[in-house]
C-alpha cells in the first residue's frame, strides 16, 4: 500500500516542479524520517565500528537508489503513474538475475517461472 501511495503522491507532487528538485525534497523527508526512527529505536551505532567494505557497498547502494529515484521521478513527470510503476518493478526481475550472476544464488524452475510472469505482467500493464 505504501509503495502504491508513493507513486500516486509523487505523480501529483511532480506536476508543478522539476523532477530532480522533487527527488531532492523526497530524499530530505526520507533522511529525516529514518534518522528519527534510528534514534527513537536506539539502533544508532558508532560509525567507526562499521567496516570499510560495508561503507563501500552502502555508498554504492545509495548511489543506485539516487539514480533510481531520479529516473523514477523523471518518468512520473513525463508519463502515467500506471505505466511508470510497472516498468519500475522490472527491478524485481533484474534483482533475481543479478543475484544468480553476481551472488551465486540458485533459483528453481518455479522461481524462474515467477520471474518470467512478473516481467510479462509488467510489460502488459505498462502498454
N, C-alpha and C. Protein backbone atom coordinates (compact mmCIF):
# COMPACT_ATOMS: atom_id res chain seq x y z
N UNK A 1 0.82 -1.19 0.00
CA UNK A 1 0.00 0.00 0.00
C UNK A 1 0.87 1.25 0.00
N UNK A 2 1.94 1.25 0.84
CA UNK A 2 2.79 2.43 0.89
C UNK A 2 3.48 2.69 -0.44
N UNK A 3 3.95 1.63 -1.10
CA UNK A 3 4.61 1.79 -2.40
C UNK A 3 3.64 2.35 -3.43
N UNK A 4 2.41 1.87 -3.40
CA UNK A 4 1.41 2.39 -4.34
C UNK A 4 1.11 3.85 -4.07
N UNK A 5 0.94 4.21 -2.81
CA UNK A 5 0.69 5.60 -2.47
C UNK A 5 1.88 6.49 -2.81
N UNK A 6 3.08 5.95 -2.69
CA UNK A 6 4.27 6.70 -3.05
C UNK A 6 4.20 7.14 -4.51
N UNK A 7 3.83 6.23 -5.39
CA UNK A 7 3.74 6.56 -6.82
C UNK A 7 2.67 7.61 -7.07
N UNK A 8 1.52 7.45 -6.43
CA UNK A 8 0.42 8.40 -6.64
C UNK A 8 0.79 9.77 -6.09
N UNK A 9 1.30 9.82 -4.87
CA UNK A 9 1.70 11.11 -4.27
C UNK A 9 2.81 11.76 -5.08
N UNK A 10 3.77 10.97 -5.55
CA UNK A 10 4.88 11.52 -6.33
C UNK A 10 4.38 12.08 -7.66
N UNK A 11 3.46 11.38 -8.30
CA UNK A 11 2.92 11.86 -9.58
C UNK A 11 2.28 13.23 -9.40
N UNK A 12 1.50 13.39 -8.36
CA UNK A 12 0.88 14.69 -8.09
C UNK A 12 1.95 15.71 -7.68
N UNK A 13 2.94 15.26 -6.92
CA UNK A 13 3.98 16.16 -6.42
C UNK A 13 4.89 16.71 -7.50
N UNK A 14 5.07 16.01 -8.60
CA UNK A 14 5.97 16.50 -9.66
C UNK A 14 5.26 17.34 -10.71
N UNK A 15 3.96 17.54 -10.55
CA UNK A 15 3.20 18.28 -11.56
C UNK A 15 3.77 19.67 -11.82
N UNK A 16 4.11 20.40 -10.77
CA UNK A 16 4.50 21.80 -10.94
C UNK A 16 5.91 22.10 -10.46
N UNK A 17 6.77 21.10 -10.46
CA UNK A 17 8.15 21.29 -10.00
C UNK A 17 9.07 20.40 -10.82
N UNK A 18 10.31 20.79 -10.94
CA UNK A 18 11.32 19.99 -11.62
C UNK A 18 11.43 18.64 -10.92
N UNK A 19 11.52 17.57 -11.68
CA UNK A 19 11.54 16.23 -11.09
C UNK A 19 12.78 16.00 -10.22
N UNK A 20 13.92 16.61 -10.56
CA UNK A 20 15.12 16.45 -9.74
C UNK A 20 14.95 17.14 -8.39
N UNK A 21 14.33 18.32 -8.38
CA UNK A 21 14.07 19.01 -7.12
C UNK A 21 13.07 18.21 -6.29
N UNK A 22 12.07 17.63 -6.94
CA UNK A 22 11.10 16.80 -6.23
C UNK A 22 11.80 15.61 -5.57
N UNK A 23 12.74 15.01 -6.28
CA UNK A 23 13.51 13.88 -5.73
C UNK A 23 14.32 14.34 -4.52
N UNK A 24 14.91 15.52 -4.62
CA UNK A 24 15.70 16.07 -3.51
C UNK A 24 14.83 16.27 -2.27
N UNK A 25 13.65 16.85 -2.45
CA UNK A 25 12.74 17.08 -1.33
C UNK A 25 12.33 15.74 -0.71
N UNK A 26 12.00 14.78 -1.55
CA UNK A 26 11.63 13.45 -1.05
C UNK A 26 12.78 12.84 -0.26
N UNK A 27 13.99 12.99 -0.74
CA UNK A 27 15.16 12.43 -0.08
C UNK A 27 15.36 13.04 1.30
N UNK A 28 15.14 14.34 1.42
CA UNK A 28 15.26 15.00 2.72
C UNK A 28 14.23 14.43 3.70
N UNK A 29 13.02 14.23 3.22
CA UNK A 29 11.96 13.67 4.07
C UNK A 29 12.33 12.26 4.53
N UNK A 30 12.84 11.45 3.60
CA UNK A 30 13.25 10.08 3.95
C UNK A 30 14.39 10.13 4.96
N UNK A 31 15.38 10.99 4.74
CA UNK A 31 16.53 11.11 5.63
C UNK A 31 16.09 11.48 7.06
N UNK A 32 15.25 12.48 7.17
CA UNK A 32 14.78 12.92 8.49
C UNK A 32 13.96 11.81 9.16
N UNK A 33 13.08 11.19 8.39
CA UNK A 33 12.24 10.12 8.94
C UNK A 33 13.08 8.96 9.47
N UNK A 34 14.06 8.54 8.69
CA UNK A 34 14.91 7.43 9.12
C UNK A 34 15.79 7.80 10.30
N UNK A 35 16.28 9.04 10.32
CA UNK A 35 17.08 9.48 11.46
C UNK A 35 16.25 9.42 12.74
N UNK A 36 15.00 9.85 12.67
CA UNK A 36 14.13 9.80 13.84
C UNK A 36 13.85 8.36 14.27
N UNK A 37 13.64 7.48 13.30
CA UNK A 37 13.38 6.08 13.62
C UNK A 37 14.60 5.44 14.28
N UNK A 38 15.78 5.65 13.70
CA UNK A 38 17.01 5.07 14.26
C UNK A 38 17.23 5.61 15.68
N UNK A 39 17.03 6.89 15.87
CA UNK A 39 17.20 7.49 17.19
C UNK A 39 16.17 6.94 18.18
N UNK A 40 14.90 6.93 17.79
CA UNK A 40 13.82 6.53 18.69
C UNK A 40 13.91 5.06 19.08
N UNK A 41 14.45 4.23 18.20
CA UNK A 41 14.52 2.80 18.49
C UNK A 41 15.88 2.38 19.05
N UNK A 42 16.77 3.34 19.22
CA UNK A 42 18.08 3.05 19.80
C UNK A 42 18.98 2.21 18.91
N UNK A 43 18.81 2.30 17.60
CA UNK A 43 19.58 1.47 16.68
C UNK A 43 20.86 2.14 16.19
N UNK A 44 21.13 3.37 16.63
CA UNK A 44 22.35 4.05 16.20
C UNK A 44 23.56 3.32 16.75
N UNK A 45 24.61 3.23 15.94
CA UNK A 45 25.85 2.62 16.43
C UNK A 45 27.02 3.50 16.01
N UNK A 46 28.14 3.30 16.64
CA UNK A 46 29.33 4.09 16.38
C UNK A 46 29.76 3.90 14.92
N UNK A 47 29.80 4.99 14.13
CA UNK A 47 30.18 4.86 12.71
C UNK A 47 31.58 4.26 12.51
N UNK A 48 32.48 4.46 13.47
CA UNK A 48 33.84 3.91 13.31
C UNK A 48 33.86 2.40 13.49
N UNK A 49 32.78 1.82 14.00
CA UNK A 49 32.71 0.37 14.18
C UNK A 49 32.24 -0.34 12.90
N UNK A 50 31.89 0.44 11.90
CA UNK A 50 31.41 -0.13 10.64
C UNK A 50 32.59 -0.29 9.70
N UNK A 51 32.68 -1.45 9.04
CA UNK A 51 33.83 -1.74 8.19
C UNK A 51 33.83 -0.91 6.92
N UNK A 52 35.00 -0.74 6.35
CA UNK A 52 35.14 -0.03 5.08
C UNK A 52 34.38 -0.70 3.96
N UNK A 53 34.38 -2.02 3.95
CA UNK A 53 33.63 -2.77 2.93
C UNK A 53 32.13 -2.48 3.03
N UNK A 54 31.65 -2.46 4.27
CA UNK A 54 30.23 -2.15 4.48
C UNK A 54 29.91 -0.76 3.97
N UNK A 55 30.76 0.22 4.33
CA UNK A 55 30.56 1.59 3.84
C UNK A 55 30.56 1.63 2.31
N UNK A 56 31.52 0.95 1.70
CA UNK A 56 31.62 0.94 0.24
C UNK A 56 30.32 0.48 -0.39
N UNK A 57 29.80 -0.65 0.08
CA UNK A 57 28.60 -1.19 -0.55
C UNK A 57 27.34 -0.39 -0.18
N UNK A 58 27.32 0.21 0.99
CA UNK A 58 26.18 1.08 1.32
C UNK A 58 26.21 2.36 0.48
N UNK A 59 27.41 2.89 0.23
CA UNK A 59 27.53 4.07 -0.64
C UNK A 59 27.11 3.71 -2.07
N UNK A 60 27.57 2.57 -2.57
CA UNK A 60 27.17 2.14 -3.90
C UNK A 60 25.65 1.94 -3.98
N UNK A 61 25.09 1.35 -2.94
CA UNK A 61 23.64 1.16 -2.89
C UNK A 61 22.91 2.50 -2.87
N UNK A 62 23.46 3.45 -2.11
CA UNK A 62 22.87 4.79 -2.07
C UNK A 62 22.92 5.48 -3.42
N UNK A 63 24.04 5.33 -4.12
CA UNK A 63 24.13 5.91 -5.47
C UNK A 63 23.12 5.27 -6.41
N UNK A 64 22.95 3.96 -6.29
CA UNK A 64 21.94 3.27 -7.10
C UNK A 64 20.54 3.75 -6.77
N UNK A 65 20.28 3.92 -5.48
CA UNK A 65 18.96 4.42 -5.07
C UNK A 65 18.72 5.82 -5.62
N UNK A 66 19.72 6.67 -5.49
CA UNK A 66 19.58 8.04 -6.00
C UNK A 66 19.32 8.07 -7.49
N UNK A 67 20.07 7.28 -8.25
CA UNK A 67 19.86 7.22 -9.70
C UNK A 67 18.47 6.67 -10.02
N UNK A 68 18.05 5.65 -9.28
CA UNK A 68 16.73 5.07 -9.48
C UNK A 68 15.63 6.10 -9.22
N UNK A 69 15.76 6.83 -8.12
CA UNK A 69 14.75 7.83 -7.78
C UNK A 69 14.70 8.95 -8.81
N UNK A 70 15.87 9.39 -9.28
CA UNK A 70 15.89 10.45 -10.30
C UNK A 70 15.18 9.99 -11.57
N UNK A 71 15.47 8.77 -11.99
CA UNK A 71 14.82 8.23 -13.19
C UNK A 71 13.32 8.05 -12.97
N UNK A 72 12.96 7.56 -11.79
CA UNK A 72 11.54 7.31 -11.48
C UNK A 72 10.74 8.61 -11.49
N UNK A 73 11.27 9.64 -10.83
CA UNK A 73 10.55 10.91 -10.78
C UNK A 73 10.48 11.56 -12.16
N UNK A 74 11.55 11.44 -12.95
CA UNK A 74 11.53 11.98 -14.31
C UNK A 74 10.47 11.25 -15.13
N UNK A 75 10.40 9.94 -15.00
CA UNK A 75 9.40 9.16 -15.72
C UNK A 75 7.99 9.53 -15.27
N UNK A 76 7.79 9.74 -13.97
CA UNK A 76 6.47 10.16 -13.48
C UNK A 76 6.08 11.53 -14.02
N UNK A 77 7.05 12.39 -14.16
CA UNK A 77 6.79 13.73 -14.71
C UNK A 77 6.30 13.61 -16.15
N UNK A 78 6.85 12.65 -16.89
CA UNK A 78 6.56 12.52 -18.32
C UNK A 78 5.42 11.56 -18.65
N UNK A 79 5.16 10.59 -17.78
CA UNK A 79 4.19 9.55 -18.13
C UNK A 79 3.16 9.30 -17.07
N UNK A 80 2.31 8.34 -17.32
CA UNK A 80 1.26 7.95 -16.39
C UNK A 80 1.83 7.06 -15.29
N UNK A 81 1.37 7.30 -14.06
CA UNK A 81 1.84 6.51 -12.92
C UNK A 81 1.56 5.02 -13.14
N UNK A 82 0.43 4.70 -13.76
CA UNK A 82 0.05 3.32 -14.01
C UNK A 82 0.93 2.62 -15.02
N UNK A 83 1.70 3.39 -15.79
CA UNK A 83 2.64 2.80 -16.73
C UNK A 83 4.07 2.85 -16.20
N UNK A 84 4.38 3.88 -15.43
CA UNK A 84 5.73 4.03 -14.89
C UNK A 84 6.01 2.99 -13.81
N UNK A 85 5.07 2.79 -12.90
CA UNK A 85 5.28 1.87 -11.77
C UNK A 85 5.59 0.44 -12.22
N UNK A 86 4.89 -0.11 -13.21
CA UNK A 86 5.23 -1.48 -13.64
C UNK A 86 6.64 -1.58 -14.23
N UNK A 87 7.06 -0.57 -14.96
CA UNK A 87 8.42 -0.59 -15.50
C UNK A 87 9.42 -0.56 -14.35
N UNK A 88 9.13 0.23 -13.32
CA UNK A 88 9.99 0.28 -12.13
C UNK A 88 10.09 -1.09 -11.48
N UNK A 89 9.01 -1.83 -11.49
CA UNK A 89 9.00 -3.15 -10.84
C UNK A 89 9.76 -4.21 -11.63
N UNK A 90 10.21 -3.86 -12.82
CA UNK A 90 11.08 -4.78 -13.56
C UNK A 90 12.38 -4.99 -12.79
N UNK A 91 12.62 -4.13 -11.80
CA UNK A 91 13.81 -4.31 -10.96
C UNK A 91 13.76 -5.66 -10.23
N UNK A 92 12.57 -6.14 -9.96
CA UNK A 92 12.43 -7.46 -9.31
C UNK A 92 13.07 -8.53 -10.19
N UNK A 93 12.82 -8.44 -11.48
CA UNK A 93 13.38 -9.40 -12.43
C UNK A 93 14.91 -9.26 -12.46
N UNK A 94 15.38 -8.03 -12.53
CA UNK A 94 16.83 -7.79 -12.58
C UNK A 94 17.53 -8.23 -11.30
N UNK A 95 16.89 -8.02 -10.15
CA UNK A 95 17.48 -8.46 -8.89
C UNK A 95 17.67 -9.98 -8.90
N UNK A 96 16.68 -10.69 -9.37
CA UNK A 96 16.79 -12.15 -9.43
C UNK A 96 17.93 -12.57 -10.35
N UNK A 97 18.02 -11.96 -11.51
CA UNK A 97 19.08 -12.31 -12.46
C UNK A 97 20.45 -11.92 -11.89
N UNK A 98 20.57 -10.71 -11.33
CA UNK A 98 21.85 -10.28 -10.75
C UNK A 98 22.24 -11.14 -9.55
N UNK A 99 21.24 -11.56 -8.77
CA UNK A 99 21.52 -12.44 -7.64
C UNK A 99 22.16 -13.75 -8.08
N UNK A 100 21.66 -14.28 -9.19
CA UNK A 100 22.22 -15.51 -9.75
C UNK A 100 23.63 -15.25 -10.30
N UNK A 101 23.76 -14.18 -11.08
CA UNK A 101 25.04 -13.90 -11.76
C UNK A 101 26.15 -13.47 -10.80
N UNK A 102 25.82 -12.59 -9.86
CA UNK A 102 26.86 -11.97 -9.04
C UNK A 102 26.97 -12.53 -7.62
N UNK A 103 25.88 -13.08 -7.10
CA UNK A 103 25.91 -13.58 -5.73
C UNK A 103 25.89 -15.10 -5.65
N UNK A 104 25.76 -15.75 -6.79
CA UNK A 104 25.75 -17.21 -6.80
C UNK A 104 24.47 -17.82 -6.25
N UNK A 105 23.40 -17.05 -6.22
CA UNK A 105 22.13 -17.59 -5.72
C UNK A 105 21.56 -18.60 -6.71
N UNK A 106 20.84 -19.54 -6.19
CA UNK A 106 20.23 -20.58 -7.01
C UNK A 106 18.72 -20.39 -7.03
N UNK A 107 18.15 -20.50 -8.22
CA UNK A 107 16.70 -20.39 -8.36
C UNK A 107 16.17 -21.65 -9.03
N UNK A 108 15.06 -22.14 -8.51
CA UNK A 108 14.41 -23.33 -9.08
C UNK A 108 13.59 -22.92 -10.30
N UNK A 109 13.15 -23.91 -11.05
CA UNK A 109 12.35 -23.66 -12.25
C UNK A 109 11.09 -22.86 -11.91
N UNK A 110 10.48 -23.16 -10.77
CA UNK A 110 9.29 -22.42 -10.36
C UNK A 110 9.61 -20.95 -10.11
N UNK A 111 10.79 -20.66 -9.55
CA UNK A 111 11.22 -19.28 -9.34
C UNK A 111 11.38 -18.55 -10.67
N UNK A 112 12.01 -19.23 -11.64
CA UNK A 112 12.20 -18.62 -12.96
C UNK A 112 10.86 -18.37 -13.63
N UNK A 113 9.92 -19.27 -13.43
CA UNK A 113 8.58 -19.06 -13.99
C UNK A 113 7.96 -17.80 -13.38
N UNK A 114 8.10 -17.65 -12.07
CA UNK A 114 7.58 -16.45 -11.42
C UNK A 114 8.23 -15.18 -11.94
N UNK A 115 9.53 -15.23 -12.15
CA UNK A 115 10.25 -14.07 -12.68
C UNK A 115 9.75 -13.73 -14.08
N UNK A 116 9.56 -14.75 -14.91
CA UNK A 116 9.05 -14.53 -16.26
C UNK A 116 7.65 -13.94 -16.23
N UNK A 117 6.82 -14.43 -15.32
CA UNK A 117 5.45 -13.90 -15.20
C UNK A 117 5.45 -12.44 -14.73
N UNK A 118 6.34 -12.11 -13.80
CA UNK A 118 6.46 -10.72 -13.35
C UNK A 118 6.84 -9.83 -14.54
N UNK A 119 7.84 -10.26 -15.30
CA UNK A 119 8.28 -9.48 -16.45
C UNK A 119 7.15 -9.31 -17.46
N UNK A 120 6.47 -10.42 -17.78
CA UNK A 120 5.37 -10.38 -18.74
C UNK A 120 4.24 -9.49 -18.23
N UNK A 121 3.90 -9.64 -16.96
CA UNK A 121 2.83 -8.82 -16.38
C UNK A 121 3.18 -7.34 -16.37
N UNK A 122 4.42 -7.01 -16.05
CA UNK A 122 4.84 -5.60 -16.04
C UNK A 122 4.74 -5.00 -17.42
N UNK A 123 5.13 -5.76 -18.44
CA UNK A 123 5.04 -5.27 -19.81
C UNK A 123 3.58 -5.06 -20.19
N UNK A 124 2.72 -6.01 -19.86
CA UNK A 124 1.29 -5.88 -20.19
C UNK A 124 0.67 -4.65 -19.52
N UNK A 125 0.99 -4.43 -18.26
CA UNK A 125 0.42 -3.28 -17.54
C UNK A 125 0.95 -1.97 -18.11
N UNK A 126 2.21 -1.97 -18.49
CA UNK A 126 2.83 -0.73 -18.99
C UNK A 126 2.33 -0.33 -20.37
N UNK A 127 1.82 -1.30 -21.13
CA UNK A 127 1.36 -0.98 -22.50
C UNK A 127 0.07 -0.18 -22.52
